[in-house]
């Protein structure tokens, strides 16, 4: 059973699905500069199986390819990003770097 994450722009959400059904979604609002994740939901029968994390990771990977920032209003997305510092560069609230050579 293959699990995939895909953007569904007509519904303003990323969806995670297996071969048979949609397992969850991450709702968003998109502007020209960023994507605001507002709510994440996973089918109750699939909770605790890492589906939500796979969904957020897939969505953020796609956002990165679009060159947009993320404003994680959704508590789940916010918590996931805080546990995965490799995605911190996407956070819209992150202060700009002051590092110089």
PDB file of N, CA and C in Angstrom:
ATOM      1  N   UNK A   1       0.844  -1.168   0.000  1.00  0.00           N
ATOM      2  CA  UNK A   1       0.000   0.000   0.000  1.00  0.00           C
ATOM      3  C   UNK A   1       0.895   1.239   0.000  1.00  0.00           C
ATOM      4  N   UNK A   2       0.816   2.041  -1.054  1.00  0.00           N
ATOM      5  CA  UNK A   2       1.620   3.257  -1.177  1.00  0.00           C
ATOM      6  C   UNK A   2       0.892   4.432  -0.551  1.00  0.00           C
ATOM      7  N   UNK A   3       1.618   5.187   0.274  1.00  0.00           N
ATOM      8  CA  UNK A   3       1.064   6.394   0.873  1.00  0.00           C
ATOM      9  C   UNK A   3       1.669   7.591   0.164  1.00  0.00           C
ATOM     10  N   UNK A   4       0.807   8.526  -0.256  1.00  0.00           N
ATOM     11  CA  UNK A   4       1.269   9.711  -0.968  1.00  0.00           C
ATOM     12  C   UNK A   4       0.689  10.971  -0.333  1.00  0.00           C
ATOM     13  N   UNK A   5       1.427  12.057  -0.475  1.00  0.00           N
ATOM     14  CA  UNK A   5       0.957  13.377  -0.048  1.00  0.00           C
ATOM     15  C   UNK A   5       0.845  14.227  -1.297  1.00  0.00           C
ATOM     16  N   UNK A   6      -0.290  14.891  -1.447  1.00  0.00           N
ATOM     17  CA  UNK A   6      -0.484  15.728  -2.636  1.00  0.00           C
ATOM     18  C   UNK A   6      -1.240  16.996  -2.253  1.00  0.00           C
ATOM     19  N   UNK A   7      -0.947  18.050  -3.003  1.00  0.00           N
ATOM     20  CA  UNK A   7      -1.655  19.305  -2.824  1.00  0.00           C
ATOM     21  C   UNK A   7      -2.991  19.214  -3.553  1.00  0.00           C
ATOM     22  N   UNK A   8      -4.043  19.646  -2.898  1.00  0.00           N
ATOM     23  CA  UNK A   8      -5.362  19.744  -3.517  1.00  0.00           C
ATOM     24  C   UNK A   8      -5.757  21.222  -3.447  1.00  0.00           C
ATOM     25  N   UNK A   9      -5.282  22.032  -4.414  1.00  0.00           N
ATOM     26  CA  UNK A   9      -5.512  23.481  -4.331  1.00  0.00           C
ATOM     27  C   UNK A   9      -6.977  23.893  -4.411  1.00  0.00           C
ATOM     28  N   UNK A  10      -7.826  23.095  -5.024  1.00  0.00           N
ATOM     29  CA  UNK A  10      -9.245  23.461  -5.073  1.00  0.00           C
ATOM     30  C   UNK A  10      -9.890  23.375  -3.687  1.00  0.00           C
ATOM     31  N   UNK A  11      -9.341  22.548  -2.816  1.00  0.00           N
ATOM     32  CA  UNK A  11      -9.844  22.417  -1.444  1.00  0.00           C
ATOM     33  C   UNK A  11      -8.969  23.166  -0.442  1.00  0.00           C
ATOM     34  N   UNK A  12      -7.874  23.799  -0.918  1.00  0.00           N
ATOM     35  CA  UNK A  12      -6.926  24.494  -0.048  1.00  0.00           C
ATOM     36  C   UNK A  12      -6.396  23.581   1.052  1.00  0.00           C
ATOM     37  N   UNK A  13      -5.884  22.434   0.625  1.00  0.00           N
ATOM     38  CA  UNK A  13      -5.334  21.517   1.612  1.00  0.00           C
ATOM     39  C   UNK A  13      -4.388  20.524   0.959  1.00  0.00           C
ATOM     40  N   UNK A  14      -3.460  20.037   1.765  1.00  0.00           N
ATOM     41  CA  UNK A  14      -2.640  18.898   1.382  1.00  0.00           C
ATOM     42  C   UNK A  14      -3.343  17.665   1.914  1.00  0.00           C
ATOM     43  N   UNK A  15      -3.325  16.598   1.125  1.00  0.00           N
ATOM     44  CA  UNK A  15      -3.984  15.362   1.531  1.00  0.00           C
ATOM     45  C   UNK A  15      -2.972  14.227   1.553  1.00  0.00           C
ATOM     46  N   UNK A  16      -3.156  13.321   2.487  1.00  0.00           N
ATOM     47  CA  UNK A  16      -2.366  12.102   2.525  1.00  0.00           C
ATOM     48  C   UNK A  16      -3.328  10.951   2.272  1.00  0.00           C
ATOM     49  N   UNK A  17      -2.929  10.073   1.364  1.00  0.00           N
ATOM     50  CA  UNK A  17      -3.828   8.983   0.965  1.00  0.00           C
ATOM     51  C   UNK A  17      -3.031   7.706   0.770  1.00  0.00           C
ATOM     52  N   UNK A  18      -3.719   6.587   0.932  1.00  0.00           N
ATOM     53  CA  UNK A  18      -3.156   5.310   0.519  1.00  0.00           C
ATOM     54  C   UNK A  18      -3.847   4.927  -0.785  1.00  0.00           C
ATOM     55  N   UNK A  19      -3.722   3.710  -1.184  1.00  0.00           N
ATOM     56  CA  UNK A  19      -4.323   3.285  -2.446  1.00  0.00           C
ATOM     57  C   UNK A  19      -5.847   3.314  -2.421  1.00  0.00           C
ATOM     58  N   UNK A  20      -6.432   3.361  -1.228  1.00  0.00           N
ATOM     59  CA  UNK A  20      -7.873   3.224  -1.107  1.00  0.00           C
ATOM     60  C   UNK A  20      -8.620   4.482  -0.674  1.00  0.00           C
ATOM     61  N   UNK A  21      -7.994   5.330   0.168  1.00  0.00           N
ATOM     62  CA  UNK A  21      -8.755   6.445   0.743  1.00  0.00           C
ATOM     63  C   UNK A  21      -7.841   7.565   1.216  1.00  0.00           C
ATOM     64  N   UNK A  22      -8.441   8.723   1.424  1.00  0.00           N
ATOM     65  CA  UNK A  22      -7.736   9.844   2.044  1.00  0.00           C
ATOM     66  C   UNK A  22      -7.658   9.567   3.541  1.00  0.00           C
ATOM     67  N   UNK A  23      -6.448   9.664   4.075  1.00  0.00           N
ATOM     68  CA  UNK A  23      -6.211   9.352   5.484  1.00  0.00           C
ATOM     69  C   UNK A  23      -6.188  10.602   6.364  1.00  0.00           C
ATOM     70  N   UNK A  24      -5.993  11.760   5.751  1.00  0.00           N
ATOM     71  CA  UNK A  24      -5.946  12.991   6.511  1.00  0.00           C
ATOM     72  C   UNK A  24      -5.677  14.168   5.603  1.00  0.00           C
ATOM     73  N   UNK A  25      -5.719  15.353   6.194  1.00  0.00           N
ATOM     74  CA  UNK A  25      -5.446  16.550   5.408  1.00  0.00           C
ATOM     75  C   UNK A  25      -4.890  17.660   6.303  1.00  0.00           C
ATOM     76  N   UNK A  26      -4.185  18.590   5.675  1.00  0.00           N
ATOM     77  CA  UNK A  26      -3.670  19.793   6.335  1.00  0.00           C
ATOM     78  C   UNK A  26      -4.209  20.987   5.558  1.00  0.00           C
ATOM     79  N   UNK A  27      -5.142  21.700   6.160  1.00  0.00           N
ATOM     80  CA  UNK A  27      -5.777  22.847   5.507  1.00  0.00           C
ATOM     81  C   UNK A  27      -4.844  24.047   5.544  1.00  0.00           C
ATOM     82  N   UNK A  28      -4.923  24.870   4.501  1.00  0.00           N
ATOM     83  CA  UNK A  28      -4.063  26.044   4.429  1.00  0.00           C
ATOM     84  C   UNK A  28      -4.753  27.197   3.709  1.00  0.00           C
ATOM     85  N   UNK A  29      -4.175  28.380   3.910  1.00  0.00           N
ATOM     86  CA  UNK A  29      -4.501  29.571   3.132  1.00  0.00           C
ATOM     87  C   UNK A  29      -3.189  30.001   2.496  1.00  0.00           C
ATOM     88  N   UNK A  30      -3.225  30.324   1.233  1.00  0.00           N
ATOM     89  CA  UNK A  30      -2.002  30.668   0.507  1.00  0.00           C
ATOM     90  C   UNK A  30      -2.022  32.125   0.074  1.00  0.00           C
ATOM     91  N   UNK A  31      -0.882  32.798   0.275  1.00  0.00           N
ATOM     92  CA  UNK A  31      -0.686  34.144  -0.234  1.00  0.00           C
ATOM     93  C   UNK A  31       0.472  34.081  -1.226  1.00  0.00           C
ATOM     94  N   UNK A  32       0.869  35.219  -1.733  1.00  0.00           N
ATOM     95  CA  UNK A  32       1.992  35.227  -2.678  1.00  0.00           C
ATOM     96  C   UNK A  32       3.318  34.946  -1.995  1.00  0.00           C
ATOM     97  N   UNK A  33       3.391  35.166  -0.671  1.00  0.00           N
ATOM     98  CA  UNK A  33       4.644  34.982   0.058  1.00  0.00           C
ATOM     99  C   UNK A  33       4.687  33.762   0.952  1.00  0.00           C
ATOM    100  N   UNK A  34       3.534  33.281   1.378  1.00  0.00           N
ATOM    101  CA  UNK A  34       3.569  32.195   2.357  1.00  0.00           C
ATOM    102  C   UNK A  34       2.313  31.342   2.322  1.00  0.00           C
ATOM    103  N   UNK A  35       2.433  30.222   3.018  1.00  0.00           N
ATOM    104  CA  UNK A  35       1.296  29.323   3.224  1.00  0.00           C
ATOM    105  C   UNK A  35       1.032  29.270   4.721  1.00  0.00           C
ATOM    106  N   UNK A  36      -0.210  29.547   5.104  1.00  0.00           N
ATOM    107  CA  UNK A  36      -0.625  29.512   6.505  1.00  0.00           C
ATOM    108  C   UNK A  36      -1.350  28.187   6.735  1.00  0.00           C
ATOM    109  N   UNK A  37      -0.739  27.298   7.512  1.00  0.00           N
ATOM    110  CA  UNK A  37      -1.396  26.031   7.843  1.00  0.00           C
ATOM    111  C   UNK A  37      -2.321  26.278   9.026  1.00  0.00           C
ATOM    112  N   UNK A  38      -3.612  26.005   8.835  1.00  0.00           N
ATOM    113  CA  UNK A  38      -4.632  26.355   9.824  1.00  0.00           C
ATOM    114  C   UNK A  38      -5.182  25.164  10.607  1.00  0.00           C
ATOM    115  N   UNK A  39      -5.146  23.983  10.033  1.00  0.00           N
ATOM    116  CA  UNK A  39      -5.762  22.829  10.700  1.00  0.00           C
ATOM    117  C   UNK A  39      -5.250  21.541  10.073  1.00  0.00           C
ATOM    118  N   UNK A  40      -4.966  20.569  10.903  1.00  0.00           N
ATOM    119  CA  UNK A  40      -4.543  19.252  10.430  1.00  0.00           C
ATOM    120  C   UNK A  40      -5.462  18.210  11.050  1.00  0.00           C
ATOM    121  N   UNK A  41      -5.853  17.254  10.230  1.00  0.00           N
ATOM    122  CA  UNK A  41      -6.775  16.214  10.693  1.00  0.00           C
ATOM    123  C   UNK A  41      -6.365  14.874  10.098  1.00  0.00           C
ATOM    124  N   UNK A  42      -6.397  13.832  10.931  1.00  0.00           N
ATOM    125  CA  UNK A  42      -6.100  12.468  10.488  1.00  0.00           C
ATOM    126  C   UNK A  42      -7.297  11.595  10.848  1.00  0.00           C
ATOM    127  N   UNK A  43      -7.617  10.663   9.972  1.00  0.00           N
ATOM    128  CA  UNK A  43      -8.701   9.721  10.245  1.00  0.00           C
ATOM    129  C   UNK A  43      -8.462   9.088  11.624  1.00  0.00           C
ATOM    130  N   UNK A  44      -9.459   9.134  12.507  1.00  0.00           N
ATOM    131  CA  UNK A  44      -9.278   8.601  13.860  1.00  0.00           C
ATOM    132  C   UNK A  44      -8.769   7.154  13.895  1.00  0.00           C
ATOM    133  N   UNK A  45      -9.143   6.356  12.916  1.00  0.00           N
ATOM    134  CA  UNK A  45      -8.688   4.959  12.906  1.00  0.00           C
ATOM    135  C   UNK A  45      -7.207   4.835  12.565  1.00  0.00           C
ATOM    136  N   UNK A  46      -6.568   5.932  12.097  1.00  0.00           N
ATOM    137  CA  UNK A  46      -5.154   5.905  11.714  1.00  0.00           C
ATOM    138  C   UNK A  46      -4.279   6.749  12.637  1.00  0.00           C
ATOM    139  N   UNK A  47      -4.876   7.341  13.673  1.00  0.00           N
ATOM    140  CA  UNK A  47      -4.098   8.152  14.605  1.00  0.00           C
ATOM    141  C   UNK A  47      -3.058   7.287  15.313  1.00  0.00           C
ATOM    142  N   UNK A  48      -1.931   7.913  15.633  1.00  0.00           N
ATOM    143  CA  UNK A  48      -0.855   7.217  16.333  1.00  0.00           C
ATOM    144  C   UNK A  48       0.010   6.349  15.440  1.00  0.00           C
ATOM    145  N   UNK A  49      -0.166   6.440  14.128  1.00  0.00           N
ATOM    146  CA  UNK A  49       0.604   5.615  13.186  1.00  0.00           C
ATOM    147  C   UNK A  49       1.601   6.442  12.377  1.00  0.00           C
ATOM    148  N   UNK A  50       1.794   7.710  12.746  1.00  0.00           N
ATOM    149  CA  UNK A  50       2.740   8.558  12.037  1.00  0.00           C
ATOM    150  C   UNK A  50       2.198   9.199  10.778  1.00  0.00           C
ATOM    151  N   UNK A  51       0.910   9.058  10.537  1.00  0.00           N
ATOM    152  CA  UNK A  51       0.292   9.613   9.327  1.00  0.00           C
ATOM    153  C   UNK A  51       0.375  11.136   9.334  1.00  0.00           C
ATOM    154  N   UNK A  52       0.090  11.758  10.478  1.00  0.00           N
ATOM    155  CA  UNK A  52       0.140  13.206  10.571  1.00  0.00           C
ATOM    156  C   UNK A  52       1.532  13.747  10.282  1.00  0.00           C
ATOM    157  N   UNK A  53       2.547  13.100  10.814  1.00  0.00           N
ATOM    158  CA  UNK A  53       3.920  13.519  10.557  1.00  0.00           C
ATOM    159  C   UNK A  53       4.310  13.382   9.097  1.00  0.00           C
ATOM    160  N   UNK A  54       3.897  12.284   8.475  1.00  0.00           N
ATOM    161  CA  UNK A  54       4.169  12.093   7.048  1.00  0.00           C
ATOM    162  C   UNK A  54       3.471  13.162   6.217  1.00  0.00           C
ATOM    163  N   UNK A  55       2.255  13.510   6.620  1.00  0.00           N
ATOM    164  CA  UNK A  55       1.489  14.546   5.930  1.00  0.00           C
ATOM    165  C   UNK A  55       2.201  15.891   6.008  1.00  0.00           C
ATOM    166  N   UNK A  56       2.593  16.285   7.209  1.00  0.00           N
ATOM    167  CA  UNK A  56       3.251  17.582   7.390  1.00  0.00           C
ATOM    168  C   UNK A  56       4.589  17.607   6.654  1.00  0.00           C
ATOM    169  N   UNK A  57       5.369  16.547   6.769  1.00  0.00           N
ATOM    170  CA  UNK A  57       6.656  16.514   6.084  1.00  0.00           C
ATOM    171  C   UNK A  57       6.485  16.631   4.574  1.00  0.00           C
ATOM    172  N   UNK A  58       5.543  15.893   4.016  1.00  0.00           N
ATOM    173  CA  UNK A  58       5.297  15.967   2.578  1.00  0.00           C
ATOM    174  C   UNK A  58       4.831  17.344   2.142  1.00  0.00           C
ATOM    175  N   UNK A  59       3.955  17.960   2.944  1.00  0.00           N
ATOM    176  CA  UNK A  59       3.468  19.298   2.621  1.00  0.00           C
ATOM    177  C   UNK A  59       4.603  20.309   2.682  1.00  0.00           C
ATOM    178  N   UNK A  60       5.420  20.244   3.730  1.00  0.00           N
ATOM    179  CA  UNK A  60       6.519  21.194   3.866  1.00  0.00           C
ATOM    180  C   UNK A  60       7.579  20.995   2.786  1.00  0.00           C
ATOM    181  N   UNK A  61       7.817  19.768   2.395  1.00  0.00           N
ATOM    182  CA  UNK A  61       8.749  19.521   1.292  1.00  0.00           C
ATOM    183  C   UNK A  61       8.245  20.184   0.012  1.00  0.00           C
ATOM    184  N   UNK A  62       6.943  20.107  -0.225  1.00  0.00           N
ATOM    185  CA  UNK A  62       6.370  20.741  -1.406  1.00  0.00           C
ATOM    186  C   UNK A  62       6.454  22.258  -1.299  1.00  0.00           C
ATOM    187  N   UNK A  63       6.147  22.810  -0.135  1.00  0.00           N
ATOM    188  CA  UNK A  63       6.223  24.256   0.070  1.00  0.00           C
ATOM    189  C   UNK A  63       7.649  24.738  -0.193  1.00  0.00           C
ATOM    190  N   UNK A  64       8.629  23.962   0.244  1.00  0.00           N
ATOM    191  CA  UNK A  64      10.029  24.339   0.016  1.00  0.00           C
ATOM    192  C   UNK A  64      10.316  24.447  -1.479  1.00  0.00           C
ATOM    193  N   UNK A  65       9.804  23.520  -2.269  1.00  0.00           N
ATOM    194  CA  UNK A  65      10.054  23.575  -3.721  1.00  0.00           C
ATOM    195  C   UNK A  65       9.392  24.791  -4.354  1.00  0.00           C
ATOM    196  N   UNK A  66       8.328  25.305  -3.722  1.00  0.00           N
ATOM    197  CA  UNK A  66       7.637  26.492  -4.225  1.00  0.00           C
ATOM    198  C   UNK A  66       8.345  27.779  -3.815  1.00  0.00           C
ATOM    199  N   UNK A  67       9.294  27.680  -2.894  1.00  0.00           N
ATOM    200  CA  UNK A  67      10.024  28.854  -2.435  1.00  0.00           C
ATOM    201  C   UNK A  67       9.212  29.767  -1.529  1.00  0.00           C
ATOM    202  N   UNK A  68       8.229  29.194  -0.823  1.00  0.00           N
ATOM    203  CA  UNK A  68       7.373  29.973   0.059  1.00  0.00           C
ATOM    204  C   UNK A  68       7.736  29.726   1.517  1.00  0.00           C
ATOM    205  N   UNK A  69       7.336  30.644   2.376  1.00  0.00           N
ATOM    206  CA  UNK A  69       7.490  30.481   3.815  1.00  0.00           C
ATOM    207  C   UNK A  69       6.212  29.862   4.382  1.00  0.00           C
ATOM    208  N   UNK A  70       6.293  29.439   5.635  1.00  0.00           N
ATOM    209  CA  UNK A  70       5.165  28.785   6.309  1.00  0.00           C
ATOM    210  C   UNK A  70       4.848  29.538   7.600  1.00  0.00           C
ATOM    211  N   UNK A  71       3.580  29.786   7.818  1.00  0.00           N
ATOM    212  CA  UNK A  71       3.110  30.296   9.099  1.00  0.00           C
ATOM    213  C   UNK A  71       2.272  29.175   9.715  1.00  0.00           C
ATOM    214  N   UNK A  72       2.833  28.456  10.709  1.00  0.00           N
ATOM    215  CA  UNK A  72       2.127  27.304  11.279  1.00  0.00           C
ATOM    216  C   UNK A  72       1.161  27.715  12.394  1.00  0.00           C
ATOM    217  N   UNK A  73      -0.049  28.118  12.027  1.00  0.00           N
ATOM    218  CA  UNK A  73      -1.087  28.450  12.998  1.00  0.00           C
ATOM    219  C   UNK A  73      -1.625  27.170  13.639  1.00  0.00           C
ATOM    220  N   UNK A  74      -1.685  26.110  12.887  1.00  0.00           N
ATOM    221  CA  UNK A  74      -2.146  24.809  13.391  1.00  0.00           C
ATOM    222  C   UNK A  74      -1.167  24.307  14.460  1.00  0.00           C
ATOM    223  N   UNK A  75      -1.666  23.978  15.655  1.00  0.00           N
ATOM    224  CA  UNK A  75      -0.773  23.497  16.711  1.00  0.00           C
ATOM    225  C   UNK A  75       0.016  22.247  16.327  1.00  0.00           C
ATOM    226  N   UNK A  76      -0.578  21.355  15.543  1.00  0.00           N
ATOM    227  CA  UNK A  76       0.134  20.136  15.154  1.00  0.00           C
ATOM    228  C   UNK A  76       1.309  20.466  14.244  1.00  0.00           C
ATOM    229  N   UNK A  77       1.088  21.316  13.256  1.00  0.00           N
ATOM    230  CA  UNK A  77       2.169  21.694  12.338  1.00  0.00           C
ATOM    231  C   UNK A  77       3.247  22.441  13.104  1.00  0.00           C
ATOM    232  N   UNK A  78       2.848  23.327  13.982  1.00  0.00           N
ATOM    233  CA  UNK A  78       3.808  24.089  14.777  1.00  0.00           C
ATOM    234  C   UNK A  78       4.663  23.158  15.638  1.00  0.00           C
ATOM    235  N   UNK A  79       4.048  22.207  16.308  1.00  0.00           N
ATOM    236  CA  UNK A  79       4.786  21.264  17.154  1.00  0.00           C
ATOM    237  C   UNK A  79       5.713  20.384  16.315  1.00  0.00           C
ATOM    238  N   UNK A  80       5.233  19.942  15.157  1.00  0.00           N
ATOM    239  CA  UNK A  80       6.054  19.094  14.299  1.00  0.00           C
ATOM    240  C   UNK A  80       7.288  19.856  13.839  1.00  0.00           C
ATOM    241  N   UNK A  81       7.093  21.113  13.429  1.00  0.00           N
ATOM    242  CA  UNK A  81       8.229  21.918  12.975  1.00  0.00           C
ATOM    243  C   UNK A  81       9.224  22.171  14.105  1.00  0.00           C
ATOM    244  N   UNK A  82       8.751  22.327  15.323  1.00  0.00           N
ATOM    245  CA  UNK A  82       9.664  22.567  16.446  1.00  0.00           C
ATOM    246  C   UNK A  82      10.496  21.325  16.761  1.00  0.00           C
ATOM    247  N   UNK A  83       9.974  20.145  16.440  1.00  0.00           N
ATOM    248  CA  UNK A  83      10.721  18.890  16.644  1.00  0.00           C
ATOM    249  C   UNK A  83      11.639  18.553  15.479  1.00  0.00           C
ATOM    250  N   UNK A  84      11.534  19.294  14.382  1.00  0.00           N
ATOM    251  CA  UNK A  84      12.329  19.022  13.178  1.00  0.00           C
ATOM    252  C   UNK A  84      13.034  20.303  12.737  1.00  0.00           C
ATOM    253  N   UNK A  85      14.168  20.608  13.365  1.00  0.00           N
ATOM    254  CA  UNK A  85      14.860  21.870  13.081  1.00  0.00           C
ATOM    255  C   UNK A  85      15.307  22.022  11.628  1.00  0.00           C
ATOM    256  N   UNK A  86      15.361  20.938  10.893  1.00  0.00           N
ATOM    257  CA  UNK A  86      15.741  21.031   9.476  1.00  0.00           C
ATOM    258  C   UNK A  86      14.681  21.752   8.638  1.00  0.00           C
ATOM    259  N   UNK A  87      13.525  22.023   9.239  1.00  0.00           N
ATOM    260  CA  UNK A  87      12.469  22.777   8.560  1.00  0.00           C
ATOM    261  C   UNK A  87      12.309  24.194   9.126  1.00  0.00           C
ATOM    262  N   UNK A  88      13.167  24.580  10.059  1.00  0.00           N
ATOM    263  CA  UNK A  88      13.068  25.898  10.698  1.00  0.00           C
ATOM    264  C   UNK A  88      13.204  27.034   9.697  1.00  0.00           C
ATOM    265  N   UNK A  89      13.959  26.816   8.630  1.00  0.00           N
ATOM    266  CA  UNK A  89      14.152  27.878   7.636  1.00  0.00           C
ATOM    267  C   UNK A  89      12.852  28.254   6.929  1.00  0.00           C
ATOM    268  N   UNK A  90      11.845  27.391   6.979  1.00  0.00           N
ATOM    269  CA  UNK A  90      10.567  27.686   6.332  1.00  0.00           C
ATOM    270  C   UNK A  90       9.654  28.566   7.185  1.00  0.00           C
ATOM    271  N   UNK A  91       9.928  28.662   8.497  1.00  0.00           N
ATOM    272  CA  UNK A  91       9.045  29.368   9.416  1.00  0.00           C
ATOM    273  C   UNK A  91       9.086  30.871   9.160  1.00  0.00           C
ATOM    274  N   UNK A  92       7.971  31.412   8.798  1.00  0.00           N
ATOM    275  CA  UNK A  92       7.822  32.829   8.483  1.00  0.00           C
ATOM    276  C   UNK A  92       8.212  33.726   9.657  1.00  0.00           C
ATOM    277  N   UNK A  93       8.016  33.235  10.879  1.00  0.00           N
ATOM    278  CA  UNK A  93       8.280  34.025  12.080  1.00  0.00           C
ATOM    279  C   UNK A  93       9.746  34.025  12.470  1.00  0.00           C
ATOM    280  N   UNK A  94      10.534  33.201  11.844  1.00  0.00           N
ATOM    281  CA  UNK A  94      11.948  33.098  12.187  1.00  0.00           C
ATOM    282  C   UNK A  94      12.665  34.398  11.834  1.00  0.00           C
ATOM    283  N   UNK A  95      13.446  34.932  12.764  1.00  0.00           N
ATOM    284  CA  UNK A  95      14.160  36.176  12.431  1.00  0.00           C
ATOM    285  C   UNK A  95      15.203  35.921  11.354  1.00  0.00           C
ATOM    286  N   UNK A  96      15.468  36.928  10.529  1.00  0.00           N
ATOM    287  CA  UNK A  96      16.478  36.753   9.486  1.00  0.00           C
ATOM    288  C   UNK A  96      17.859  36.551  10.113  1.00  0.00           C
ATOM    289  N   UNK A  97      18.680  35.834   9.429  1.00  0.00           N
ATOM    290  CA  UNK A  97      20.037  35.564   9.902  1.00  0.00           C
ATOM    291  C   UNK A  97      20.877  36.837   9.910  1.00  0.00           C
ATOM    292  N   UNK A  98      21.709  36.967  10.929  1.00  0.00           N
ATOM    293  CA  UNK A  98      22.646  38.087  11.002  1.00  0.00           C
ATOM    294  C   UNK A  98      24.089  37.601  10.875  1.00  0.00           C
ATOM    295  N   UNK A  99      24.257  36.376  10.439  1.00  0.00           N
ATOM    296  CA  UNK A  99      25.575  35.771  10.310  1.00  0.00           C
ATOM    297  C   UNK A  99      26.316  36.430   9.146  1.00  0.00           C
ATOM    298  N   UNK A 100      27.574  36.758   9.383  1.00  0.00           N
ATOM    299  CA  UNK A 100      28.421  37.291   8.320  1.00  0.00           C
ATOM    300  C   UNK A 100      29.719  36.513   8.278  1.00  0.00           C
ATOM    301  N   UNK A 101      30.401  36.602   7.173  1.00  0.00           N
ATOM    302  CA  UNK A 101      31.700  35.928   7.024  1.00  0.00           C
ATOM    303  C   UNK A 101      32.803  36.770   7.588  1.00  0.00           C
TER     304      UNK A 101
END
